[in-house]
Amino acid sequence: MRHLTAFLLCALGILPGLPAHADAWLRAAGAGFASVSHYATETGDTVHDSLLIEYGVTPGLTFGVEAGVSPGGTWSGMAYGRIPLGNPDRATRFAAEFGAGITVDGNTALRLSLAAGRGIETRFGPGWLSLDSRADHVPGLKLTNLDIDATAGLHLGDKSMAILQLQARADTDGAPTTLTIAPSYVRQISESLNLELGVSAGVVGNDDLRLKLGTWLSF
């Protein structure tokens, strides 16, 4: 859950205008990115907190670590590598991600992710479209979680952007498939610091309403 105008330069170190987790794009070599996000219910109760750190090891490899923790103290984590697929200079970018980590109940999880993304120009300004698909497999439980995120982003001037994401999720254990809509607004506070405010609402399979406060830091 990353990556065509002035803001992209800040967040990714390659081009301006992309979101925190833009899986079709890689970080520039030597460029780092970190985000901390807090999720809560509409009454203010904490749902969970998450941490994401990415670093461009080479032009063709981005290494990342993500972790999440619940109010009860249970946590999960994943380390991964992202590589480009095909010509990284073409308008539409493709990338693959391979990872391994630990679930909240201590089981090993393996990840495969495929993503496509493209920068766009609109009458309102530059932006991007991306489609990220991810499979997290837990061998010990013979369970696979499938996620597909479709994202549209728009750069609103020099220091802000709007993001709209549709998040679909399905599990092989027979749990209901869910669809969530998640709009957010990002504001640049300084050259390296950005603040994200968002909300997510269940559309299919759940009626959860979540509030999000996030901080992005490039280094």
N, C-alpha and C. Protein backbone atom coordinates (compact mmCIF):
# COMPACT_ATOMS: atom_id res chain seq x y z
N MET A 1 0.58 -0.30 0.00
CA MET A 1 0.00 0.00 0.00
C MET A 1 1.13 0.58 0.00
N ARG A 2 2.56 3.70 -3.70
CA ARG A 2 3.53 4.39 -3.17
C ARG A 2 4.11 5.26 -4.24
N HIS A 3 4.03 5.90 -4.89
CA HIS A 3 5.24 6.23 -5.55
C HIS A 3 4.81 7.11 -6.56
N LEU A 4 3.92 12.84 -9.88
CA LEU A 4 4.74 12.58 -10.86
C LEU A 4 5.07 13.98 -11.18
N THR A 5 5.01 14.86 -10.26
CA THR A 5 5.31 16.26 -10.30
C THR A 5 6.07 16.63 -9.05
N ALA A 6 6.16 17.90 -8.66
CA ALA A 6 7.05 18.38 -7.60
C ALA A 6 6.99 17.59 -6.31
N PHE A 7 5.88 16.97 -5.95
CA PHE A 7 5.79 16.26 -4.68
C PHE A 7 6.49 14.90 -4.75
N LEU A 8 6.51 14.29 -5.92
CA LEU A 8 7.18 12.99 -6.10
C LEU A 8 8.65 13.09 -5.77
N LEU A 9 9.25 14.16 -6.17
CA LEU A 9 10.67 14.37 -5.86
C LEU A 9 10.88 14.29 -4.37
N CYS A 10 9.95 14.86 -3.62
CA CYS A 10 10.06 14.87 -2.17
C CYS A 10 9.86 13.48 -1.59
N ALA A 11 8.80 12.83 -2.02
CA ALA A 11 8.46 11.57 -1.40
C ALA A 11 9.32 10.42 -1.89
N LEU A 12 9.65 10.39 -3.17
CA LEU A 12 10.37 9.25 -3.71
C LEU A 12 11.81 9.55 -4.04
N GLY A 13 12.14 10.77 -4.26
CA GLY A 13 13.49 11.10 -4.67
C GLY A 13 13.70 10.84 -6.15
N ILE A 14 12.62 10.64 -6.92
CA ILE A 14 12.75 10.44 -8.36
C ILE A 14 11.97 11.50 -9.09
N LEU A 15 10.69 11.54 -8.91
CA LEU A 15 9.79 12.47 -9.57
C LEU A 15 8.85 13.02 -8.53
N PRO A 16 8.22 14.17 -8.79
CA PRO A 16 7.26 14.69 -7.84
C PRO A 16 5.86 14.12 -8.03
N GLY A 17 5.04 14.07 -7.01
CA GLY A 17 3.62 13.82 -7.11
C GLY A 17 3.07 12.47 -6.77
N LEU A 18 3.77 11.54 -6.14
CA LEU A 18 3.23 10.22 -5.85
C LEU A 18 2.99 10.00 -4.37
N PRO A 19 2.19 8.99 -4.05
CA PRO A 19 1.85 8.73 -2.66
C PRO A 19 2.94 8.00 -1.90
N ALA A 20 2.70 7.75 -0.63
CA ALA A 20 3.72 7.13 0.21
C ALA A 20 4.09 5.75 -0.28
N HIS A 21 3.09 4.91 -0.49
CA HIS A 21 3.40 3.54 -0.87
C HIS A 21 2.99 3.37 -2.33
N ALA A 22 3.87 3.71 -3.26
CA ALA A 22 3.58 3.61 -4.69
C ALA A 22 4.35 2.45 -5.26
N ASP A 23 3.74 1.29 -5.29
CA ASP A 23 4.47 0.06 -5.57
C ASP A 23 5.01 -0.06 -6.98
N ALA A 24 4.50 0.71 -7.92
CA ALA A 24 5.00 0.61 -9.30
C ALA A 24 6.28 1.41 -9.50
N TRP A 25 6.61 2.26 -8.55
CA TRP A 25 7.81 3.10 -8.65
C TRP A 25 8.83 2.69 -7.59
N LEU A 26 10.10 2.85 -7.91
CA LEU A 26 11.17 2.56 -6.96
C LEU A 26 11.71 3.86 -6.39
N ARG A 27 12.30 3.79 -5.21
CA ARG A 27 12.99 4.94 -4.65
C ARG A 27 14.29 5.16 -5.42
N ALA A 28 14.72 6.41 -5.50
CA ALA A 28 16.01 6.69 -6.11
C ALA A 28 17.12 6.10 -5.25
N ALA A 29 18.21 5.70 -5.87
CA ALA A 29 19.34 5.15 -5.12
C ALA A 29 19.82 6.15 -4.08
N GLY A 30 19.92 5.72 -2.83
CA GLY A 30 20.36 6.60 -1.76
C GLY A 30 19.26 7.42 -1.12
N ALA A 31 18.03 7.31 -1.61
CA ALA A 31 16.91 8.08 -1.07
C ALA A 31 16.07 7.20 -0.15
N GLY A 32 15.64 7.77 0.97
CA GLY A 32 14.84 7.02 1.93
C GLY A 32 13.50 7.67 2.17
N PHE A 33 12.58 6.90 2.67
CA PHE A 33 11.23 7.38 2.97
C PHE A 33 10.71 6.63 4.19
N ALA A 34 10.02 7.34 5.08
CA ALA A 34 9.42 6.71 6.26
C ALA A 34 8.05 7.33 6.50
N SER A 35 7.11 6.52 6.95
CA SER A 35 5.80 7.04 7.31
C SER A 35 5.31 6.34 8.58
N VAL A 36 4.61 7.11 9.39
CA VAL A 36 3.95 6.59 10.58
C VAL A 36 2.48 6.96 10.48
N SER A 37 1.59 5.98 10.64
CA SER A 37 0.15 6.22 10.49
C SER A 37 -0.60 5.72 11.71
N HIS A 38 -1.60 6.50 12.10
CA HIS A 38 -2.47 6.15 13.22
C HIS A 38 -3.89 6.02 12.71
N TYR A 39 -4.53 4.88 13.01
CA TYR A 39 -5.89 4.62 12.56
C TYR A 39 -6.81 4.55 13.79
N ALA A 40 -7.97 5.21 13.69
CA ALA A 40 -8.89 5.23 14.82
C ALA A 40 -10.33 5.17 14.33
N THR A 41 -11.25 4.78 15.22
CA THR A 41 -12.67 4.79 14.90
C THR A 41 -13.17 6.23 14.94
N GLU A 42 -14.44 6.43 14.53
CA GLU A 42 -15.01 7.78 14.54
C GLU A 42 -15.16 8.33 15.94
N THR A 43 -15.10 7.46 16.96
CA THR A 43 -15.18 7.92 18.34
C THR A 43 -13.80 8.18 18.94
N GLY A 44 -12.74 7.93 18.16
CA GLY A 44 -11.39 8.21 18.63
C GLY A 44 -10.66 7.03 19.19
N ASP A 45 -11.28 5.85 19.24
CA ASP A 45 -10.60 4.66 19.75
C ASP A 45 -9.57 4.17 18.75
N THR A 46 -8.39 3.85 19.23
CA THR A 46 -7.31 3.38 18.34
C THR A 46 -7.63 2.02 17.76
N VAL A 47 -7.44 1.89 16.45
CA VAL A 47 -7.59 0.60 15.76
C VAL A 47 -6.23 -0.06 15.63
N HIS A 48 -5.28 0.65 15.07
CA HIS A 48 -3.90 0.19 15.03
C HIS A 48 -3.00 1.30 14.54
N ASP A 49 -1.69 1.10 14.69
CA ASP A 49 -0.68 2.03 14.22
C ASP A 49 0.26 1.28 13.28
N SER A 50 0.82 1.99 12.31
CA SER A 50 1.69 1.33 11.35
C SER A 50 2.92 2.17 11.05
N LEU A 51 3.99 1.47 10.66
CA LEU A 51 5.26 2.09 10.31
C LEU A 51 5.73 1.53 8.98
N LEU A 52 6.20 2.40 8.11
CA LEU A 52 6.75 1.99 6.82
C LEU A 52 8.08 2.70 6.60
N ILE A 53 9.11 1.95 6.22
CA ILE A 53 10.41 2.53 5.89
C ILE A 53 10.88 1.92 4.58
N GLU A 54 11.31 2.76 3.63
CA GLU A 54 11.85 2.28 2.36
C GLU A 54 13.15 3.00 2.05
N TYR A 55 14.04 2.31 1.33
CA TYR A 55 15.32 2.89 0.96
C TYR A 55 15.74 2.37 -0.41
N GLY A 56 16.19 3.28 -1.27
CA GLY A 56 16.67 2.91 -2.58
C GLY A 56 18.10 2.39 -2.51
N VAL A 57 18.26 1.08 -2.57
CA VAL A 57 19.59 0.47 -2.47
C VAL A 57 20.37 0.72 -3.75
N THR A 58 19.75 0.47 -4.88
CA THR A 58 20.31 0.75 -6.20
C THR A 58 19.16 1.28 -7.06
N PRO A 59 19.44 1.76 -8.28
CA PRO A 59 18.33 2.19 -9.15
C PRO A 59 17.33 1.08 -9.44
N GLY A 60 17.77 -0.19 -9.32
CA GLY A 60 16.89 -1.30 -9.62
C GLY A 60 16.41 -2.09 -8.42
N LEU A 61 16.64 -1.58 -7.20
CA LEU A 61 16.22 -2.30 -6.00
C LEU A 61 15.86 -1.34 -4.88
N THR A 62 14.63 -1.46 -4.40
CA THR A 62 14.18 -0.74 -3.21
C THR A 62 13.90 -1.74 -2.11
N PHE A 63 14.47 -1.49 -0.93
CA PHE A 63 14.25 -2.36 0.22
C PHE A 63 13.29 -1.67 1.18
N GLY A 64 12.37 -2.44 1.76
CA GLY A 64 11.41 -1.84 2.66
C GLY A 64 11.08 -2.73 3.85
N VAL A 65 10.60 -2.09 4.91
CA VAL A 65 10.11 -2.79 6.10
C VAL A 65 8.82 -2.11 6.53
N GLU A 66 7.82 -2.91 6.82
CA GLU A 66 6.58 -2.36 7.35
C GLU A 66 6.17 -3.15 8.59
N ALA A 67 5.52 -2.46 9.52
CA ALA A 67 5.10 -3.10 10.76
C ALA A 67 3.81 -2.46 11.24
N GLY A 68 3.01 -3.23 11.94
CA GLY A 68 1.78 -2.72 12.51
C GLY A 68 1.60 -3.24 13.92
N VAL A 69 0.96 -2.44 14.76
CA VAL A 69 0.72 -2.84 16.15
C VAL A 69 -0.69 -2.43 16.55
N SER A 70 -1.36 -3.31 17.30
CA SER A 70 -2.72 -3.05 17.77
C SER A 70 -2.68 -2.51 19.20
N PRO A 71 -3.80 -1.97 19.71
CA PRO A 71 -3.82 -1.47 21.09
C PRO A 71 -3.46 -2.54 22.11
N GLY A 72 -3.72 -3.81 21.80
CA GLY A 72 -3.40 -4.89 22.73
C GLY A 72 -1.94 -5.29 22.73
N GLY A 73 -1.17 -4.67 21.84
CA GLY A 73 0.26 -4.96 21.79
C GLY A 73 0.67 -6.01 20.79
N THR A 74 -0.28 -6.66 20.11
CA THR A 74 0.09 -7.62 19.08
C THR A 74 0.61 -6.87 17.86
N TRP A 75 1.57 -7.47 17.17
CA TRP A 75 2.17 -6.78 16.04
C TRP A 75 2.45 -7.75 14.90
N SER A 76 2.64 -7.18 13.73
CA SER A 76 3.03 -7.95 12.55
C SER A 76 4.09 -7.15 11.81
N GLY A 77 4.87 -7.82 10.97
CA GLY A 77 5.93 -7.13 10.24
C GLY A 77 6.27 -7.84 8.95
N MET A 78 6.79 -7.08 8.00
CA MET A 78 7.16 -7.63 6.70
C MET A 78 8.37 -6.87 6.17
N ALA A 79 9.38 -7.61 5.70
CA ALA A 79 10.52 -7.03 4.99
C ALA A 79 10.41 -7.45 3.53
N TYR A 80 10.71 -6.54 2.60
CA TYR A 80 10.49 -6.84 1.20
C TYR A 80 11.48 -6.10 0.31
N GLY A 81 11.59 -6.60 -0.90
CA GLY A 81 12.38 -5.93 -1.93
C GLY A 81 11.52 -5.69 -3.15
N ARG A 82 11.71 -4.55 -3.81
CA ARG A 82 10.94 -4.20 -5.00
C ARG A 82 11.88 -4.02 -6.18
N ILE A 83 11.54 -4.61 -7.31
CA ILE A 83 12.35 -4.50 -8.52
C ILE A 83 11.46 -4.07 -9.68
N PRO A 84 12.03 -3.37 -10.66
CA PRO A 84 11.22 -2.98 -11.82
C PRO A 84 11.02 -4.16 -12.77
N LEU A 85 9.94 -4.12 -13.50
CA LEU A 85 9.68 -5.11 -14.55
C LEU A 85 9.65 -4.37 -15.89
N GLY A 86 10.49 -4.79 -16.82
CA GLY A 86 10.53 -4.12 -18.10
C GLY A 86 11.32 -2.83 -18.05
N ASN A 87 11.10 -1.98 -19.03
CA ASN A 87 11.82 -0.71 -19.15
C ASN A 87 11.30 0.30 -18.11
N PRO A 88 12.13 0.71 -17.16
CA PRO A 88 11.67 1.64 -16.12
C PRO A 88 11.47 3.06 -16.62
N ASP A 89 11.87 3.35 -17.87
CA ASP A 89 11.74 4.70 -18.40
C ASP A 89 10.46 4.91 -19.19
N ARG A 90 9.67 3.87 -19.40
CA ARG A 90 8.44 4.06 -20.16
C ARG A 90 7.37 4.74 -19.30
N ALA A 91 6.33 5.22 -19.97
CA ALA A 91 5.30 6.00 -19.27
C ALA A 91 4.58 5.17 -18.22
N THR A 92 4.25 3.95 -18.55
CA THR A 92 3.60 3.06 -17.58
C THR A 92 4.66 2.19 -16.93
N ARG A 93 4.75 2.26 -15.62
CA ARG A 93 5.76 1.50 -14.86
C ARG A 93 5.15 0.21 -14.33
N PHE A 94 5.99 -0.83 -14.27
CA PHE A 94 5.60 -2.11 -13.68
C PHE A 94 6.67 -2.52 -12.68
N ALA A 95 6.25 -3.16 -11.61
CA ALA A 95 7.21 -3.59 -10.59
C ALA A 95 6.69 -4.83 -9.88
N ALA A 96 7.62 -5.57 -9.30
CA ALA A 96 7.28 -6.75 -8.49
C ALA A 96 7.91 -6.60 -7.12
N GLU A 97 7.25 -7.18 -6.13
CA GLU A 97 7.73 -7.10 -4.75
C GLU A 97 7.73 -8.51 -4.16
N PHE A 98 8.81 -8.84 -3.45
CA PHE A 98 8.94 -10.14 -2.80
C PHE A 98 9.28 -9.88 -1.34
N GLY A 99 8.56 -10.56 -0.43
CA GLY A 99 8.81 -10.29 0.97
C GLY A 99 8.55 -11.48 1.87
N ALA A 100 8.98 -11.35 3.12
CA ALA A 100 8.75 -12.36 4.15
C ALA A 100 8.59 -11.64 5.49
N GLY A 101 7.72 -12.18 6.34
CA GLY A 101 7.50 -11.53 7.62
C GLY A 101 6.76 -12.41 8.60
N ILE A 102 6.19 -11.77 9.62
CA ILE A 102 5.50 -12.44 10.72
C ILE A 102 4.09 -11.87 10.86
N THR A 103 3.10 -12.74 11.02
CA THR A 103 1.73 -12.30 11.23
C THR A 103 1.51 -11.97 12.71
N VAL A 104 0.31 -11.46 13.03
CA VAL A 104 0.01 -11.08 14.42
C VAL A 104 0.02 -12.28 15.36
N ASP A 105 -0.21 -13.48 14.82
CA ASP A 105 -0.21 -14.67 15.68
C ASP A 105 1.10 -15.44 15.61
N GLY A 106 2.16 -14.82 15.05
CA GLY A 106 3.48 -15.42 15.07
C GLY A 106 3.80 -16.36 13.94
N ASN A 107 2.93 -16.46 12.94
CA ASN A 107 3.20 -17.33 11.80
C ASN A 107 4.02 -16.62 10.73
N THR A 108 4.81 -17.39 10.00
CA THR A 108 5.59 -16.85 8.90
C THR A 108 4.66 -16.54 7.72
N ALA A 109 4.89 -15.40 7.07
CA ALA A 109 4.10 -15.00 5.91
C ALA A 109 5.04 -14.68 4.76
N LEU A 110 4.64 -15.04 3.56
CA LEU A 110 5.41 -14.77 2.35
C LEU A 110 4.58 -13.87 1.43
N ARG A 111 5.23 -12.93 0.76
CA ARG A 111 4.51 -11.95 -0.06
C ARG A 111 4.99 -11.95 -1.50
N LEU A 112 4.02 -11.83 -2.41
CA LEU A 112 4.28 -11.53 -3.82
C LEU A 112 3.34 -10.41 -4.23
N SER A 113 3.91 -9.35 -4.81
CA SER A 113 3.10 -8.21 -5.21
C SER A 113 3.49 -7.79 -6.62
N LEU A 114 2.49 -7.47 -7.43
CA LEU A 114 2.68 -6.94 -8.77
C LEU A 114 1.93 -5.62 -8.88
N ALA A 115 2.56 -4.64 -9.52
CA ALA A 115 1.96 -3.31 -9.57
C ALA A 115 2.22 -2.64 -10.91
N ALA A 116 1.28 -1.76 -11.29
CA ALA A 116 1.42 -0.94 -12.49
C ALA A 116 1.02 0.48 -12.14
N GLY A 117 1.71 1.46 -12.70
CA GLY A 117 1.40 2.85 -12.41
C GLY A 117 1.78 3.77 -13.56
N ARG A 118 1.10 4.89 -13.67
CA ARG A 118 1.35 5.81 -14.77
C ARG A 118 1.06 7.24 -14.32
N GLY A 119 1.95 8.14 -14.65
CA GLY A 119 1.71 9.56 -14.40
C GLY A 119 0.75 10.10 -15.44
N ILE A 120 -0.10 11.05 -15.04
CA ILE A 120 -1.09 11.62 -15.95
C ILE A 120 -1.10 13.14 -15.82
N GLU A 121 -1.62 13.80 -16.84
CA GLU A 121 -1.86 15.24 -16.81
C GLU A 121 -3.36 15.47 -16.95
N THR A 122 -3.92 16.30 -16.08
CA THR A 122 -5.34 16.62 -16.13
C THR A 122 -5.52 18.13 -16.20
N ARG A 123 -6.73 18.58 -16.44
CA ARG A 123 -7.02 20.02 -16.48
C ARG A 123 -6.81 20.67 -15.12
N PHE A 124 -6.79 19.83 -14.06
CA PHE A 124 -6.62 20.35 -12.71
C PHE A 124 -5.17 20.26 -12.23
N GLY A 125 -4.32 19.59 -13.00
CA GLY A 125 -2.93 19.45 -12.61
C GLY A 125 -2.45 18.03 -12.84
N PRO A 126 -1.17 17.78 -12.56
CA PRO A 126 -0.61 16.44 -12.77
C PRO A 126 -1.02 15.47 -11.66
N GLY A 127 -0.96 14.20 -11.98
CA GLY A 127 -1.31 13.19 -10.99
C GLY A 127 -0.84 11.83 -11.43
N TRP A 128 -1.46 10.78 -10.93
CA TRP A 128 -1.06 9.42 -11.28
C TRP A 128 -2.22 8.46 -11.08
N LEU A 129 -2.12 7.31 -11.74
CA LEU A 129 -3.02 6.19 -11.56
C LEU A 129 -2.18 4.96 -11.28
N SER A 130 -2.61 4.11 -10.37
CA SER A 130 -1.86 2.89 -10.09
C SER A 130 -2.79 1.76 -9.70
N LEU A 131 -2.33 0.55 -9.95
CA LEU A 131 -3.06 -0.66 -9.57
C LEU A 131 -2.06 -1.61 -8.92
N ASP A 132 -2.30 -1.94 -7.66
CA ASP A 132 -1.39 -2.80 -6.89
C ASP A 132 -2.14 -4.08 -6.50
N SER A 133 -1.56 -5.21 -6.78
CA SER A 133 -2.14 -6.50 -6.36
C SER A 133 -1.12 -7.22 -5.48
N ARG A 134 -1.59 -7.79 -4.38
CA ARG A 134 -0.67 -8.39 -3.41
C ARG A 134 -1.26 -9.69 -2.87
N ALA A 135 -0.43 -10.70 -2.74
CA ALA A 135 -0.82 -11.96 -2.12
C ALA A 135 0.12 -12.23 -0.95
N ASP A 136 -0.42 -12.33 0.25
CA ASP A 136 0.34 -12.70 1.44
C ASP A 136 -0.07 -14.11 1.83
N HIS A 137 0.88 -15.05 1.74
CA HIS A 137 0.58 -16.46 2.00
C HIS A 137 1.17 -16.87 3.35
N VAL A 138 0.36 -17.54 4.16
CA VAL A 138 0.78 -18.04 5.47
C VAL A 138 0.83 -19.57 5.38
N PRO A 139 2.02 -20.15 5.13
CA PRO A 139 2.11 -21.61 4.92
C PRO A 139 1.58 -22.42 6.09
N GLY A 140 1.85 -21.97 7.31
CA GLY A 140 1.44 -22.74 8.48
C GLY A 140 -0.06 -22.87 8.62
N LEU A 141 -0.80 -21.91 8.09
CA LEU A 141 -2.27 -21.93 8.18
C LEU A 141 -2.91 -22.30 6.85
N LYS A 142 -2.07 -22.48 5.82
CA LYS A 142 -2.58 -22.72 4.46
C LYS A 142 -3.59 -21.65 4.07
N LEU A 143 -3.23 -20.41 4.36
CA LEU A 143 -4.11 -19.26 4.15
C LEU A 143 -3.42 -18.23 3.27
N THR A 144 -4.16 -17.65 2.33
CA THR A 144 -3.63 -16.59 1.49
C THR A 144 -4.58 -15.40 1.53
N ASN A 145 -4.03 -14.23 1.83
CA ASN A 145 -4.78 -12.98 1.80
C ASN A 145 -4.49 -12.27 0.48
N LEU A 146 -5.54 -11.90 -0.23
CA LEU A 146 -5.40 -11.24 -1.52
C LEU A 146 -5.90 -9.80 -1.41
N ASP A 147 -5.08 -8.86 -1.85
CA ASP A 147 -5.45 -7.44 -1.80
C ASP A 147 -5.21 -6.81 -3.16
N ILE A 148 -6.16 -5.97 -3.60
CA ILE A 148 -6.01 -5.17 -4.81
C ILE A 148 -6.38 -3.73 -4.47
N ASP A 149 -5.46 -2.81 -4.71
CA ASP A 149 -5.69 -1.39 -4.46
C ASP A 149 -5.62 -0.62 -5.77
N ALA A 150 -6.69 0.11 -6.09
CA ALA A 150 -6.71 0.98 -7.26
C ALA A 150 -6.66 2.42 -6.75
N THR A 151 -5.68 3.20 -7.20
CA THR A 151 -5.42 4.53 -6.65
C THR A 151 -5.39 5.59 -7.74
N ALA A 152 -6.01 6.72 -7.45
CA ALA A 152 -5.91 7.91 -8.29
C ALA A 152 -5.43 9.06 -7.42
N GLY A 153 -4.42 9.78 -7.87
CA GLY A 153 -3.89 10.90 -7.11
C GLY A 153 -3.80 12.14 -7.96
N LEU A 154 -3.97 13.28 -7.33
CA LEU A 154 -3.94 14.56 -8.04
C LEU A 154 -3.13 15.57 -7.25
N HIS A 155 -2.18 16.20 -7.91
CA HIS A 155 -1.35 17.23 -7.28
C HIS A 155 -2.11 18.55 -7.29
N LEU A 156 -2.36 19.11 -6.10
CA LEU A 156 -3.15 20.33 -5.96
C LEU A 156 -2.25 21.53 -5.72
N GLY A 157 -1.42 21.86 -6.67
CA GLY A 157 -0.48 22.94 -6.47
C GLY A 157 0.85 22.42 -5.99
N ASP A 158 1.66 23.32 -5.41
CA ASP A 158 3.03 22.96 -5.05
C ASP A 158 3.15 22.14 -3.77
N LYS A 159 2.16 22.23 -2.86
CA LYS A 159 2.37 21.66 -1.54
C LYS A 159 1.25 20.75 -1.05
N SER A 160 0.39 20.30 -1.92
CA SER A 160 -0.68 19.42 -1.45
C SER A 160 -1.16 18.51 -2.56
N MET A 161 -1.78 17.42 -2.18
CA MET A 161 -2.38 16.53 -3.15
C MET A 161 -3.53 15.75 -2.53
N ALA A 162 -4.42 15.27 -3.41
CA ALA A 162 -5.57 14.47 -3.00
C ALA A 162 -5.41 13.07 -3.55
N ILE A 163 -5.80 12.08 -2.75
CA ILE A 163 -5.68 10.68 -3.13
C ILE A 163 -7.02 9.99 -2.91
N LEU A 164 -7.43 9.18 -3.86
CA LEU A 164 -8.63 8.36 -3.72
C LEU A 164 -8.25 6.92 -4.01
N GLN A 165 -8.55 6.03 -3.07
CA GLN A 165 -8.16 4.63 -3.23
C GLN A 165 -9.34 3.71 -2.97
N LEU A 166 -9.47 2.69 -3.82
CA LEU A 166 -10.42 1.60 -3.62
C LEU A 166 -9.62 0.36 -3.22
N GLN A 167 -9.98 -0.25 -2.10
CA GLN A 167 -9.23 -1.37 -1.54
C GLN A 167 -10.13 -2.60 -1.49
N ALA A 168 -9.76 -3.63 -2.25
CA ALA A 168 -10.50 -4.89 -2.25
C ALA A 168 -9.67 -5.95 -1.54
N ARG A 169 -10.33 -6.79 -0.74
CA ARG A 169 -9.62 -7.81 0.03
C ARG A 169 -10.43 -9.11 0.05
N ALA A 170 -9.72 -10.21 -0.15
CA ALA A 170 -10.35 -11.53 -0.08
C ALA A 170 -9.38 -12.49 0.59
N ASP A 171 -9.92 -13.47 1.33
CA ASP A 171 -9.12 -14.49 2.00
C ASP A 171 -9.53 -15.87 1.50
N THR A 172 -8.59 -16.80 1.48
CA THR A 172 -8.91 -18.15 1.04
C THR A 172 -9.58 -18.98 2.13
N ASP A 173 -9.79 -18.40 3.31
CA ASP A 173 -10.46 -19.15 4.38
C ASP A 173 -11.97 -18.98 4.34
N GLY A 174 -12.47 -18.33 3.30
CA GLY A 174 -13.92 -18.20 3.16
C GLY A 174 -14.51 -16.94 3.77
N ALA A 175 -13.69 -16.07 4.32
CA ALA A 175 -14.20 -14.81 4.88
C ALA A 175 -14.77 -13.95 3.75
N PRO A 176 -15.77 -13.09 4.06
CA PRO A 176 -16.39 -12.28 3.03
C PRO A 176 -15.38 -11.35 2.34
N THR A 177 -15.53 -11.20 1.05
CA THR A 177 -14.73 -10.23 0.32
C THR A 177 -15.18 -8.83 0.71
N THR A 178 -14.23 -7.93 0.91
CA THR A 178 -14.57 -6.58 1.32
C THR A 178 -14.08 -5.56 0.29
N LEU A 179 -14.79 -4.45 0.22
CA LEU A 179 -14.40 -3.32 -0.62
C LEU A 179 -14.49 -2.06 0.22
N THR A 180 -13.41 -1.29 0.23
CA THR A 180 -13.33 -0.09 1.06
C THR A 180 -12.91 1.09 0.19
N ILE A 181 -13.50 2.26 0.44
CA ILE A 181 -13.10 3.48 -0.24
C ILE A 181 -12.34 4.34 0.76
N ALA A 182 -11.20 4.90 0.32
CA ALA A 182 -10.31 5.61 1.25
C ALA A 182 -9.76 6.89 0.60
N PRO A 183 -10.44 8.03 0.78
CA PRO A 183 -9.88 9.30 0.31
C PRO A 183 -8.96 9.91 1.36
N SER A 184 -7.97 10.67 0.91
CA SER A 184 -7.09 11.36 1.86
C SER A 184 -6.53 12.63 1.23
N TYR A 185 -6.03 13.49 2.09
CA TYR A 185 -5.42 14.75 1.68
C TYR A 185 -4.04 14.84 2.30
N VAL A 186 -3.04 15.21 1.49
CA VAL A 186 -1.66 15.30 1.95
C VAL A 186 -1.17 16.73 1.80
N ARG A 187 -0.56 17.24 2.84
CA ARG A 187 -0.04 18.62 2.85
C ARG A 187 1.44 18.61 3.18
N GLN A 188 2.23 19.29 2.36
CA GLN A 188 3.67 19.39 2.62
C GLN A 188 3.90 20.46 3.69
N ILE A 189 4.57 20.06 4.77
CA ILE A 189 4.85 20.95 5.89
C ILE A 189 6.23 21.59 5.73
N SER A 190 7.18 20.80 5.26
CA SER A 190 8.52 21.30 5.00
C SER A 190 9.08 20.52 3.82
N GLU A 191 10.33 20.76 3.46
CA GLU A 191 10.91 20.09 2.30
C GLU A 191 10.89 18.58 2.44
N SER A 192 10.99 18.08 3.66
CA SER A 192 11.07 16.63 3.86
C SER A 192 9.91 16.05 4.65
N LEU A 193 8.98 16.88 5.12
CA LEU A 193 7.91 16.41 6.00
C LEU A 193 6.54 16.71 5.39
N ASN A 194 5.66 15.69 5.43
CA ASN A 194 4.31 15.82 4.91
C ASN A 194 3.31 15.23 5.89
N LEU A 195 2.11 15.79 5.91
CA LEU A 195 1.06 15.33 6.81
C LEU A 195 -0.11 14.81 5.99
N GLU A 196 -0.63 13.63 6.36
CA GLU A 196 -1.75 13.02 5.64
C GLU A 196 -2.95 12.90 6.58
N LEU A 197 -4.13 13.34 6.09
CA LEU A 197 -5.39 13.19 6.80
C LEU A 197 -6.33 12.40 5.90
N GLY A 198 -6.93 11.34 6.43
CA GLY A 198 -7.78 10.53 5.58
C GLY A 198 -8.88 9.82 6.34
N VAL A 199 -9.74 9.17 5.58
CA VAL A 199 -10.83 8.39 6.14
C VAL A 199 -11.03 7.17 5.25
N SER A 200 -11.47 6.07 5.81
CA SER A 200 -11.81 4.89 5.02
C SER A 200 -13.17 4.39 5.47
N ALA A 201 -13.98 3.98 4.49
CA ALA A 201 -15.33 3.51 4.79
C ALA A 201 -15.61 2.23 4.04
N GLY A 202 -16.14 1.23 4.74
CA GLY A 202 -16.50 -0.03 4.11
C GLY A 202 -17.69 0.15 3.19
N VAL A 203 -17.59 -0.43 1.99
CA VAL A 203 -18.67 -0.34 1.01
C VAL A 203 -19.34 -1.70 0.83
N VAL A 204 -18.53 -2.76 0.77
CA VAL A 204 -19.03 -4.12 0.59
C VAL A 204 -18.36 -5.02 1.63
N GLY A 205 -19.15 -5.83 2.30
CA GLY A 205 -18.59 -6.82 3.22
C GLY A 205 -18.28 -6.29 4.60
N ASN A 206 -18.30 -4.98 4.80
CA ASN A 206 -18.12 -4.38 6.14
C ASN A 206 -18.63 -2.96 6.11
N ASP A 207 -18.93 -2.43 7.28
CA ASP A 207 -19.40 -1.04 7.38
C ASP A 207 -18.49 -0.22 8.29
N ASP A 208 -17.22 -0.63 8.39
CA ASP A 208 -16.27 0.06 9.25
C ASP A 208 -15.99 1.47 8.75
N LEU A 209 -15.87 2.40 9.67
CA LEU A 209 -15.43 3.75 9.36
C LEU A 209 -14.17 4.03 10.15
N ARG A 210 -13.10 4.39 9.47
CA ARG A 210 -11.81 4.61 10.12
C ARG A 210 -11.26 5.98 9.76
N LEU A 211 -10.63 6.62 10.72
CA LEU A 211 -9.94 7.89 10.51
C LEU A 211 -8.44 7.63 10.50
N LYS A 212 -7.70 8.40 9.68
CA LYS A 212 -6.27 8.18 9.55
C LYS A 212 -5.50 9.48 9.67
N LEU A 213 -4.44 9.45 10.45
CA LEU A 213 -3.50 10.56 10.56
C LEU A 213 -2.12 10.00 10.28
N GLY A 214 -1.46 10.53 9.26
CA GLY A 214 -0.17 10.00 8.89
C GLY A 214 0.88 11.07 8.72
N THR A 215 2.13 10.70 8.93
CA THR A 215 3.28 11.58 8.73
C THR A 215 4.24 10.92 7.78
N TRP A 216 4.69 11.67 6.75
CA TRP A 216 5.65 11.16 5.77
C TRP A 216 6.96 11.94 5.94
N LEU A 217 8.05 11.23 5.89
CA LEU A 217 9.36 11.85 6.03
C LEU A 217 10.29 11.30 4.95
N SER A 218 10.88 12.17 4.16
CA SER A 218 11.89 11.74 3.17
C SER A 218 13.27 12.09 3.69
N PHE A 219 14.25 11.23 3.37
CA PHE A 219 15.60 11.47 3.87
C PHE A 219 16.62 10.94 2.88
